[in-house]
Amino acid sequence: MRPNAPLVLIQPHQWKRPFIAVSSVRQRQRVGALINTEFQPRINAAMAAIRTVVDGGRFAHVGTSHHQFSVRLASLAELDRYLHLGQRPPRFPAGGRKRLHALWSTRPNGARIEVTEYLSVIALRARR
């Protein structure tokens, strides 16, 4: 990299996990956060690597911002497909899938399954 060149990292938020809800025009019913036991060690290692290059003087930390986005899905089958796009799909916490099925079976017309994901954007600048 050239000196002073920017480097932008986009990665999952270190502490917030994807969240499931059933939403309609009038209400949003929370189901719960998803679990992926392999995730936390990997994101911790990524954050440690970032700290190493910043502490070592190779990059300067410019800033970090946190964002979220939501995906609305029309069925349980769409949710399963969405969750299994990655190599290590997350799972529901204890009782979470049962709660989702109960909420889905009594959903109002037009309701959707909402998956909210959280990410961090980290900006670094290469040093000379």
N, C-alpha and C. Protein backbone atom coordinates (compact mmCIF):
# COMPACT_ATOMS: atom_id res chain seq x y z
N MET A 1 0.84 -1.19 0.00
CA MET A 1 0.00 0.00 0.00
C MET A 1 0.87 1.24 0.00
N ARG A 2 0.35 2.25 -0.61
CA ARG A 2 1.04 3.55 -0.60
C ARG A 2 0.87 4.21 0.76
N PRO A 3 1.86 5.01 1.17
CA PRO A 3 1.70 5.76 2.42
C PRO A 3 0.45 6.65 2.35
N ASN A 4 -0.22 6.77 3.44
CA ASN A 4 -1.45 7.56 3.60
C ASN A 4 -2.64 6.99 2.84
N ALA A 5 -2.50 5.81 2.25
CA ALA A 5 -3.64 5.19 1.56
C ALA A 5 -4.65 4.70 2.59
N PRO A 6 -5.93 4.88 2.30
CA PRO A 6 -6.96 4.40 3.25
C PRO A 6 -7.21 2.90 3.10
N LEU A 7 -7.59 2.29 4.19
CA LEU A 7 -8.00 0.89 4.22
C LEU A 7 -9.33 0.85 4.98
N VAL A 8 -10.36 0.31 4.36
CA VAL A 8 -11.67 0.24 4.99
C VAL A 8 -12.01 -1.22 5.22
N LEU A 9 -12.32 -1.55 6.46
CA LEU A 9 -12.70 -2.90 6.85
C LEU A 9 -14.18 -2.90 7.20
N ILE A 10 -14.91 -3.84 6.62
CA ILE A 10 -16.33 -4.00 6.95
C ILE A 10 -16.47 -5.40 7.51
N GLN A 11 -16.94 -5.48 8.74
CA GLN A 11 -17.04 -6.79 9.39
C GLN A 11 -18.23 -6.80 10.35
N PRO A 12 -18.63 -8.00 10.76
CA PRO A 12 -19.73 -8.07 11.74
C PRO A 12 -19.35 -7.33 13.03
N HIS A 13 -20.34 -6.77 13.68
CA HIS A 13 -20.13 -6.07 14.94
C HIS A 13 -19.54 -7.05 15.96
N GLN A 14 -18.64 -6.56 16.78
CA GLN A 14 -17.96 -7.46 17.71
C GLN A 14 -18.89 -8.07 18.75
N TRP A 15 -19.92 -7.36 19.18
CA TRP A 15 -20.74 -7.87 20.28
C TRP A 15 -22.20 -8.12 19.91
N LYS A 16 -22.72 -7.48 18.90
CA LYS A 16 -24.13 -7.64 18.56
C LYS A 16 -24.30 -8.75 17.53
N ARG A 17 -25.21 -9.67 17.80
CA ARG A 17 -25.48 -10.79 16.90
C ARG A 17 -26.74 -10.52 16.09
N PRO A 18 -26.89 -11.20 14.95
CA PRO A 18 -28.13 -11.05 14.17
C PRO A 18 -29.35 -11.32 15.04
N PHE A 19 -30.41 -10.56 14.80
CA PHE A 19 -31.61 -10.63 15.64
C PHE A 19 -32.81 -10.94 14.76
N ILE A 20 -33.70 -11.78 15.26
CA ILE A 20 -34.91 -12.20 14.54
C ILE A 20 -36.14 -11.60 15.21
N ALA A 21 -37.07 -11.13 14.40
CA ALA A 21 -38.36 -10.64 14.89
C ALA A 21 -39.41 -10.93 13.83
N VAL A 22 -40.66 -10.91 14.25
CA VAL A 22 -41.79 -10.98 13.31
C VAL A 22 -42.40 -9.60 13.32
N SER A 23 -42.40 -8.95 12.14
CA SER A 23 -42.87 -7.57 12.10
C SER A 23 -44.02 -7.40 11.13
N SER A 24 -44.90 -6.50 11.51
CA SER A 24 -46.04 -6.13 10.66
C SER A 24 -46.16 -4.62 10.73
N VAL A 25 -47.18 -4.10 10.09
CA VAL A 25 -47.37 -2.65 10.08
C VAL A 25 -47.54 -2.11 11.49
N ARG A 26 -48.24 -2.85 12.34
CA ARG A 26 -48.58 -2.34 13.67
C ARG A 26 -47.64 -2.76 14.79
N GLN A 27 -46.91 -3.85 14.61
CA GLN A 27 -46.08 -4.31 15.73
C GLN A 27 -44.85 -5.07 15.26
N ARG A 28 -43.91 -5.19 16.20
CA ARG A 28 -42.68 -5.95 15.97
C ARG A 28 -42.51 -6.84 17.19
N GLN A 29 -42.61 -8.16 16.97
CA GLN A 29 -42.50 -9.11 18.07
C GLN A 29 -41.12 -9.74 18.04
N ARG A 30 -40.38 -9.55 19.11
CA ARG A 30 -39.01 -10.04 19.20
C ARG A 30 -38.98 -11.55 19.39
N VAL A 31 -38.07 -12.20 18.67
CA VAL A 31 -37.84 -13.64 18.84
C VAL A 31 -36.56 -13.85 19.62
N GLY A 32 -35.46 -13.26 19.17
CA GLY A 32 -34.19 -13.36 19.89
C GLY A 32 -33.00 -13.27 18.97
N ALA A 33 -31.83 -13.15 19.59
CA ALA A 33 -30.57 -13.08 18.86
C ALA A 33 -30.12 -14.49 18.48
N LEU A 34 -29.47 -14.61 17.35
CA LEU A 34 -28.96 -15.90 16.90
C LEU A 34 -27.60 -16.18 17.53
N ILE A 35 -27.25 -17.45 17.59
CA ILE A 35 -26.01 -17.88 18.23
C ILE A 35 -25.13 -18.56 17.19
N ASN A 36 -23.84 -18.25 17.23
CA ASN A 36 -22.86 -18.98 16.43
C ASN A 36 -21.60 -19.06 17.29
N THR A 37 -21.36 -20.23 17.88
CA THR A 37 -20.27 -20.38 18.84
C THR A 37 -18.90 -20.19 18.21
N GLU A 38 -18.78 -20.38 16.90
CA GLU A 38 -17.49 -20.19 16.23
C GLU A 38 -17.20 -18.74 15.92
N PHE A 39 -18.19 -17.89 16.04
CA PHE A 39 -18.06 -16.51 15.61
C PHE A 39 -17.16 -15.69 16.53
N GLN A 40 -17.40 -15.72 17.83
CA GLN A 40 -16.71 -14.81 18.75
C GLN A 40 -15.20 -14.96 18.71
N PRO A 41 -14.64 -16.17 18.72
CA PRO A 41 -13.18 -16.27 18.63
C PRO A 41 -12.63 -15.68 17.33
N ARG A 42 -13.36 -15.83 16.24
CA ARG A 42 -12.89 -15.29 14.95
C ARG A 42 -12.93 -13.76 14.93
N ILE A 43 -14.00 -13.16 15.44
CA ILE A 43 -14.07 -11.70 15.43
C ILE A 43 -13.07 -11.13 16.43
N ASN A 44 -12.85 -11.81 17.56
CA ASN A 44 -11.84 -11.36 18.52
C ASN A 44 -10.46 -11.39 17.89
N ALA A 45 -10.16 -12.44 17.11
CA ALA A 45 -8.87 -12.54 16.43
C ALA A 45 -8.72 -11.43 15.39
N ALA A 46 -9.79 -11.11 14.67
CA ALA A 46 -9.74 -10.02 13.69
C ALA A 46 -9.47 -8.69 14.38
N MET A 47 -10.14 -8.44 15.50
CA MET A 47 -9.93 -7.19 16.23
C MET A 47 -8.51 -7.13 16.79
N ALA A 48 -7.97 -8.25 17.25
CA ALA A 48 -6.59 -8.29 17.75
C ALA A 48 -5.61 -8.00 16.63
N ALA A 49 -5.87 -8.51 15.43
CA ALA A 49 -5.00 -8.24 14.28
C ALA A 49 -5.00 -6.76 13.93
N ILE A 50 -6.16 -6.14 14.00
CA ILE A 50 -6.25 -4.70 13.73
C ILE A 50 -5.45 -3.93 14.77
N ARG A 51 -5.62 -4.30 16.04
CA ARG A 51 -4.86 -3.62 17.11
C ARG A 51 -3.35 -3.81 16.90
N THR A 52 -2.94 -4.98 16.45
CA THR A 52 -1.51 -5.26 16.24
C THR A 52 -0.92 -4.34 15.18
N VAL A 53 -1.60 -4.17 14.04
CA VAL A 53 -1.03 -3.31 12.98
C VAL A 53 -1.09 -1.84 13.36
N VAL A 54 -2.09 -1.44 14.16
CA VAL A 54 -2.16 -0.05 14.62
C VAL A 54 -1.09 0.20 15.68
N ASP A 55 -0.99 -0.71 16.67
CA ASP A 55 0.02 -0.56 17.73
C ASP A 55 1.43 -0.65 17.17
N GLY A 56 1.62 -1.43 16.11
CA GLY A 56 2.94 -1.57 15.49
C GLY A 56 3.31 -0.40 14.60
N GLY A 57 2.40 0.55 14.40
CA GLY A 57 2.70 1.73 13.63
C GLY A 57 2.53 1.59 12.12
N ARG A 58 2.06 0.46 11.66
CA ARG A 58 1.88 0.28 10.21
C ARG A 58 0.65 1.02 9.68
N PHE A 59 -0.35 1.16 10.54
CA PHE A 59 -1.59 1.86 10.17
C PHE A 59 -2.00 2.77 11.32
N ALA A 60 -2.70 3.84 10.97
CA ALA A 60 -3.31 4.73 11.96
C ALA A 60 -4.81 4.49 11.93
N HIS A 61 -5.42 4.43 13.10
CA HIS A 61 -6.87 4.26 13.18
C HIS A 61 -7.53 5.60 12.89
N VAL A 62 -8.34 5.66 11.85
CA VAL A 62 -9.02 6.89 11.46
C VAL A 62 -10.37 7.00 12.16
N GLY A 63 -11.09 5.90 12.22
CA GLY A 63 -12.40 5.92 12.88
C GLY A 63 -13.14 4.62 12.70
N THR A 64 -14.18 4.46 13.50
CA THR A 64 -15.05 3.28 13.45
C THR A 64 -16.49 3.76 13.54
N SER A 65 -17.34 3.18 12.71
CA SER A 65 -18.77 3.46 12.82
C SER A 65 -19.53 2.14 12.80
N HIS A 66 -20.65 2.12 13.47
CA HIS A 66 -21.45 0.91 13.58
C HIS A 66 -22.79 1.14 12.87
N HIS A 67 -23.24 0.11 12.18
CA HIS A 67 -24.45 0.22 11.38
C HIS A 67 -25.29 -1.05 11.55
N GLN A 68 -26.52 -0.97 11.11
CA GLN A 68 -27.39 -2.14 11.09
C GLN A 68 -28.22 -2.11 9.82
N PHE A 69 -28.62 -3.27 9.39
CA PHE A 69 -29.56 -3.35 8.27
C PHE A 69 -30.50 -4.50 8.54
N SER A 70 -31.69 -4.40 7.99
CA SER A 70 -32.71 -5.43 8.19
C SER A 70 -33.13 -6.01 6.86
N VAL A 71 -33.37 -7.30 6.88
CA VAL A 71 -33.88 -8.02 5.73
C VAL A 71 -35.24 -8.57 6.14
N ARG A 72 -36.24 -8.39 5.29
CA ARG A 72 -37.57 -8.90 5.60
C ARG A 72 -37.88 -10.07 4.67
N LEU A 73 -38.25 -11.17 5.28
CA LEU A 73 -38.48 -12.42 4.54
C LEU A 73 -39.94 -12.84 4.68
N ALA A 74 -40.46 -13.47 3.62
CA ALA A 74 -41.89 -13.77 3.56
C ALA A 74 -42.27 -15.12 4.16
N SER A 75 -41.28 -15.98 4.46
CA SER A 75 -41.64 -17.31 4.96
C SER A 75 -40.51 -17.91 5.78
N LEU A 76 -40.84 -18.97 6.50
CA LEU A 76 -39.83 -19.70 7.26
C LEU A 76 -38.80 -20.35 6.33
N ALA A 77 -39.25 -20.79 5.15
CA ALA A 77 -38.33 -21.38 4.17
C ALA A 77 -37.31 -20.34 3.69
N GLU A 78 -37.77 -19.12 3.46
CA GLU A 78 -36.84 -18.05 3.06
C GLU A 78 -35.84 -17.76 4.17
N LEU A 79 -36.30 -17.79 5.41
CA LEU A 79 -35.40 -17.58 6.55
C LEU A 79 -34.32 -18.66 6.57
N ASP A 80 -34.72 -19.91 6.42
CA ASP A 80 -33.73 -21.00 6.42
C ASP A 80 -32.71 -20.81 5.30
N ARG A 81 -33.17 -20.46 4.11
CA ARG A 81 -32.23 -20.21 3.00
C ARG A 81 -31.29 -19.06 3.33
N TYR A 82 -31.82 -17.99 3.88
CA TYR A 82 -31.01 -16.81 4.22
C TYR A 82 -29.95 -17.18 5.25
N LEU A 83 -30.35 -17.91 6.28
CA LEU A 83 -29.41 -18.25 7.35
C LEU A 83 -28.33 -19.23 6.89
N HIS A 84 -28.65 -20.04 5.90
CA HIS A 84 -27.69 -21.05 5.46
C HIS A 84 -26.85 -20.60 4.26
N LEU A 85 -26.83 -19.29 3.99
CA LEU A 85 -25.97 -18.78 2.92
C LEU A 85 -24.49 -18.84 3.31
N GLY A 86 -24.20 -18.72 4.59
CA GLY A 86 -22.82 -18.76 5.06
C GLY A 86 -22.34 -20.17 5.32
N GLN A 87 -21.03 -20.31 5.50
CA GLN A 87 -20.45 -21.62 5.75
C GLN A 87 -20.82 -22.17 7.13
N ARG A 88 -20.95 -21.27 8.09
CA ARG A 88 -21.27 -21.68 9.46
C ARG A 88 -22.54 -20.97 9.90
N PRO A 89 -23.69 -21.51 9.53
CA PRO A 89 -24.94 -20.80 9.85
C PRO A 89 -25.18 -20.70 11.35
N PRO A 90 -25.77 -19.58 11.78
CA PRO A 90 -26.10 -19.43 13.19
C PRO A 90 -27.29 -20.31 13.56
N ARG A 91 -27.51 -20.44 14.84
CA ARG A 91 -28.65 -21.22 15.31
C ARG A 91 -29.46 -20.37 16.30
N PHE A 92 -30.66 -20.84 16.56
CA PHE A 92 -31.53 -20.15 17.50
C PHE A 92 -31.11 -20.50 18.93
N PRO A 93 -31.33 -19.60 19.88
CA PRO A 93 -31.11 -19.95 21.28
C PRO A 93 -32.18 -20.93 21.73
N ALA A 94 -32.00 -21.51 22.89
CA ALA A 94 -32.97 -22.46 23.42
C ALA A 94 -34.36 -21.84 23.42
N GLY A 95 -35.32 -22.52 22.82
CA GLY A 95 -36.70 -22.05 22.75
C GLY A 95 -36.97 -21.03 21.66
N GLY A 96 -35.94 -20.55 20.99
CA GLY A 96 -36.10 -19.50 19.99
C GLY A 96 -36.88 -19.94 18.76
N ARG A 97 -36.55 -21.11 18.24
CA ARG A 97 -37.26 -21.60 17.05
C ARG A 97 -38.73 -21.87 17.38
N LYS A 98 -38.97 -22.41 18.57
CA LYS A 98 -40.35 -22.68 18.99
C LYS A 98 -41.13 -21.36 19.10
N ARG A 99 -40.49 -20.33 19.65
CA ARG A 99 -41.13 -19.01 19.76
C ARG A 99 -41.41 -18.44 18.38
N LEU A 100 -40.46 -18.57 17.45
CA LEU A 100 -40.66 -18.07 16.09
C LEU A 100 -41.86 -18.76 15.44
N HIS A 101 -41.93 -20.08 15.56
CA HIS A 101 -43.05 -20.82 14.96
C HIS A 101 -44.38 -20.41 15.58
N ALA A 102 -44.40 -20.19 16.89
CA ALA A 102 -45.64 -19.76 17.55
C ALA A 102 -46.06 -18.37 17.08
N LEU A 103 -45.11 -17.46 16.99
CA LEU A 103 -45.44 -16.11 16.51
C LEU A 103 -45.85 -16.13 15.04
N TRP A 104 -45.18 -16.96 14.25
CA TRP A 104 -45.47 -17.02 12.82
C TRP A 104 -46.85 -17.61 12.57
N SER A 105 -47.25 -18.57 13.39
CA SER A 105 -48.56 -19.21 13.17
C SER A 105 -49.72 -18.27 13.52
N THR A 106 -49.47 -17.25 14.32
CA THR A 106 -50.53 -16.30 14.69
C THR A 106 -50.27 -14.90 14.13
N ARG A 107 -49.45 -14.80 13.11
CA ARG A 107 -49.06 -13.51 12.54
C ARG A 107 -50.25 -12.82 11.88
N PRO A 108 -50.23 -11.49 11.90
CA PRO A 108 -51.26 -10.75 11.16
C PRO A 108 -50.95 -10.78 9.67
N ASN A 109 -51.94 -10.46 8.86
CA ASN A 109 -51.74 -10.41 7.40
C ASN A 109 -50.62 -9.43 7.07
N GLY A 110 -49.78 -9.83 6.14
CA GLY A 110 -48.69 -8.97 5.68
C GLY A 110 -47.45 -8.99 6.55
N ALA A 111 -47.44 -9.78 7.61
CA ALA A 111 -46.28 -9.84 8.49
C ALA A 111 -45.10 -10.49 7.76
N ARG A 112 -43.90 -10.13 8.18
CA ARG A 112 -42.67 -10.67 7.62
C ARG A 112 -41.73 -11.07 8.75
N ILE A 113 -40.82 -11.97 8.44
CA ILE A 113 -39.76 -12.30 9.38
C ILE A 113 -38.64 -11.29 9.12
N GLU A 114 -38.23 -10.62 10.15
CA GLU A 114 -37.21 -9.58 10.01
C GLU A 114 -35.91 -10.05 10.64
N VAL A 115 -34.84 -10.02 9.88
CA VAL A 115 -33.50 -10.35 10.38
C VAL A 115 -32.71 -9.04 10.39
N THR A 116 -32.26 -8.63 11.56
CA THR A 116 -31.45 -7.42 11.68
C THR A 116 -30.01 -7.84 11.93
N GLU A 117 -29.12 -7.35 11.08
CA GLU A 117 -27.70 -7.67 11.21
C GLU A 117 -26.94 -6.39 11.55
N TYR A 118 -25.87 -6.54 12.28
CA TYR A 118 -25.07 -5.41 12.75
C TYR A 118 -23.66 -5.53 12.19
N LEU A 119 -23.09 -4.41 11.75
CA LEU A 119 -21.74 -4.44 11.22
C LEU A 119 -20.97 -3.20 11.67
N SER A 120 -19.66 -3.33 11.59
CA SER A 120 -18.76 -2.23 11.92
C SER A 120 -17.94 -1.89 10.69
N VAL A 121 -17.74 -0.60 10.47
CA VAL A 121 -16.88 -0.12 9.41
C VAL A 121 -15.69 0.55 10.11
N ILE A 122 -14.51 0.02 9.84
CA ILE A 122 -13.29 0.50 10.49
C ILE A 122 -12.39 1.10 9.42
N ALA A 123 -11.99 2.35 9.61
CA ALA A 123 -11.11 3.02 8.66
C ALA A 123 -9.71 3.14 9.23
N LEU A 124 -8.74 2.70 8.45
CA LEU A 124 -7.33 2.81 8.82
C LEU A 124 -6.61 3.59 7.72
N ARG A 125 -5.46 4.15 8.05
CA ARG A 125 -4.65 4.81 7.05
C ARG A 125 -3.23 4.27 7.16
N ALA A 126 -2.69 3.85 6.01
CA ALA A 126 -1.33 3.30 5.98
C ALA A 126 -0.34 4.41 6.34
N ARG A 127 0.63 4.03 7.15
CA ARG A 127 1.69 4.98 7.52
C ARG A 127 2.91 4.72 6.69
N ARG A 128 3.78 5.69 6.62
CA ARG A 128 5.03 5.55 5.84
C ARG A 128 5.94 4.50 6.43
